[in-house]
Amino acid sequence: MDKRRKIQWELALEGGARGEAPKAPAQGIESTAAGLGRESQADTDKLMEEACEKENLRQALRRVKANTGAAGVDGMSVQQLPDYLRENWARLKEQLLSATYRPQPVRRVEITKAGGGGRKLAIPVGPHLQ
């Protein structure tokens, strides 16, 4: 096949080849893959607003009560939590929505699994444990 025919053949196949994703134009529009890239600030704000909705918080509190776990490093029991939230929720919500809330530091440890490997665990460190 002469050089000219070969180039024409390659050009004809370029756009119609199957099994490959279409190529983005050289200039102008960029193609983006779903799920990649950064979330916009608006998406993050909306997610935090949804997390702070009253019904979502009620469901979370029900789950915490159902777990009947021990008090955390702050010494607050599950029974004390509803009163604490009633008194402090406005301040906590404002900190969450304005991105000024700072959780306590955590100590990272790895728990060895019986079958090998491990599981990472973050343990909150109270001011008296630092």
Protein backbone atom coordinates (compact mmCIF):
# COMPACT_ATOMS: atom_id res chain seq x y z
CA MET A 1 0.00 0.00 0.00
CA ASP A 2 1.44 3.39 -0.94
CA LYS A 3 1.99 6.08 1.71
CA ARG A 4 -1.00 8.22 0.65
CA ARG A 5 -3.46 5.29 0.81
CA LYS A 6 -2.07 4.22 4.19
CA ILE A 7 -2.68 7.70 5.67
CA GLN A 8 -6.22 7.79 4.25
CA TRP A 9 -6.88 4.33 5.69
CA GLU A 10 -5.61 5.39 9.12
CA LEU A 11 -7.73 8.56 9.05
CA ALA A 12 -10.84 6.58 8.11
CA LEU A 13 -10.32 4.21 11.05
CA GLU A 14 -9.45 6.92 13.58
CA GLY A 15 -13.01 8.08 14.29
CA GLY A 16 -14.81 4.81 13.91
CA ALA A 17 -12.61 2.35 15.76
CA ARG A 18 -14.54 0.29 18.31
CA GLY A 19 -13.26 -0.68 21.73
CA GLU A 20 -11.74 2.69 22.50
CA ALA A 21 -13.20 5.69 24.25
CA PRO A 22 -13.75 8.64 21.94
CA LYS A 23 -10.93 11.13 22.03
CA ALA A 24 -11.59 14.63 23.34
CA PRO A 25 -11.10 17.48 20.88
CA ALA A 26 -7.63 18.99 20.98
CA GLN A 27 -8.95 22.38 22.09
CA GLY A 28 -12.09 23.68 23.70
CA ILE A 29 -14.21 21.15 25.56
CA GLU A 30 -12.54 18.84 28.04
CA SER A 31 -13.98 15.44 28.74
CA THR A 32 -14.29 14.48 32.41
CA ALA A 33 -14.83 11.10 34.01
CA ALA A 34 -17.69 10.72 36.46
CA GLY A 35 -16.60 10.64 40.08
CA LEU A 36 -13.28 12.34 39.51
CA GLY A 37 -12.30 15.82 40.48
CA ARG A 38 -13.03 17.88 43.53
CA GLU A 39 -16.38 18.55 45.10
CA SER A 40 -17.45 22.13 44.88
CA GLN A 41 -17.80 24.16 48.05
CA ALA A 42 -21.56 24.31 47.39
CA ASP A 43 -21.74 20.48 47.36
CA THR A 44 -19.80 20.27 50.63
CA ASP A 45 -21.97 22.96 52.25
CA LYS A 46 -25.15 21.18 51.17
CA LEU A 47 -23.88 17.88 52.56
CA MET A 48 -23.09 19.46 55.94
CA GLU A 49 -26.50 21.16 56.01
CA GLU A 50 -28.16 17.77 55.38
CA ALA A 51 -26.04 16.18 58.13
CA CYS A 52 -27.19 18.89 60.55
CA GLU A 53 -30.92 18.50 59.80
CA LYS A 54 -33.06 17.75 62.83
CA GLU A 55 -34.40 14.39 61.62
CA ASN A 56 -30.94 13.17 60.69
CA LEU A 57 -29.70 14.09 64.17
CA ARG A 58 -32.64 12.35 65.83
CA GLN A 59 -31.87 9.15 63.93
CA ALA A 60 -28.18 9.39 64.84
CA LEU A 61 -29.03 9.89 68.52
CA ARG A 62 -31.34 6.85 68.42
CA ARG A 63 -28.49 4.77 67.00
CA VAL A 64 -26.08 6.01 69.67
CA LYS A 65 -28.58 5.14 72.40
CA ALA A 66 -29.21 1.69 70.86
CA ASN A 67 -25.48 0.93 70.95
CA THR A 68 -25.42 1.57 74.74
CA GLY A 69 -21.68 2.12 74.66
CA ALA A 70 -19.47 3.39 77.43
CA ALA A 71 -18.75 7.07 77.98
CA GLY A 72 -16.19 8.64 75.69
CA VAL A 73 -12.93 10.32 76.68
CA ASP A 74 -14.96 13.36 77.72
CA GLY A 75 -16.73 11.22 80.33
CA MET A 76 -20.21 11.99 78.91
CA SER A 77 -22.65 9.11 79.07
CA VAL A 78 -25.25 8.35 76.40
CA GLN A 79 -27.93 9.45 78.88
CA GLN A 80 -26.27 12.88 79.28
CA LEU A 81 -25.94 13.47 75.54
CA PRO A 82 -29.53 14.71 74.78
CA ASP A 83 -29.33 17.43 77.46
CA TYR A 84 -25.87 18.45 76.29
CA LEU A 85 -27.07 18.73 72.69
CA ARG A 86 -30.13 20.78 73.69
CA GLU A 87 -27.89 23.27 75.49
CA ASN A 88 -25.05 23.38 72.96
CA TRP A 89 -26.56 22.50 69.58
CA ALA A 90 -26.80 26.08 68.25
CA ARG A 91 -23.07 26.66 68.86
CA LEU A 92 -22.05 23.25 67.51
CA LYS A 93 -24.19 23.63 64.37
CA GLU A 94 -22.71 27.07 63.68
CA GLN A 95 -19.19 25.65 64.01
CA LEU A 96 -20.02 22.74 61.69
CA LEU A 97 -21.64 24.93 59.03
CA SER A 98 -18.87 27.56 59.15
CA ALA A 99 -16.14 24.88 59.10
CA THR A 100 -14.66 26.14 62.37
CA TYR A 101 -15.42 23.00 64.41
CA ARG A 102 -12.22 21.25 65.52
CA PRO A 103 -12.58 17.71 66.84
CA GLN A 104 -10.29 16.36 69.55
CA PRO A 105 -7.00 14.87 68.39
CA VAL A 106 -6.85 11.11 67.93
CA ARG A 107 -4.19 8.49 68.59
CA ARG A 108 -3.81 6.06 65.70
CA VAL A 109 -3.29 2.40 66.46
CA GLU A 110 -3.47 -0.76 64.39
CA ILE A 111 -5.29 -3.81 65.71
CA THR A 112 -3.86 -7.09 64.48
CA LYS A 113 -6.44 -9.41 62.90
CA ALA A 114 -6.46 -13.14 63.61
CA GLY A 115 -6.18 -14.01 59.89
CA GLY A 116 -3.24 -11.65 59.39
CA GLY A 117 -3.10 -8.00 58.53
CA GLY A 118 -4.60 -5.30 60.66
CA ARG A 119 -7.34 -2.76 61.11
CA LYS A 120 -6.58 0.90 61.76
CA LEU A 121 -8.33 2.52 64.69
CA ALA A 122 -8.44 6.15 65.79
CA ILE A 123 -8.87 6.68 69.53
CA PRO A 124 -9.92 10.19 70.63
CA VAL A 125 -7.38 11.70 73.00
CA GLY A 126 -8.87 13.91 75.69
CA PRO A 127 -6.92 16.88 77.09
CA HIS A 128 -5.92 14.79 80.12
CA LEU A 129 -4.45 12.01 77.90
CA GLN A 130 -2.24 14.05 75.56
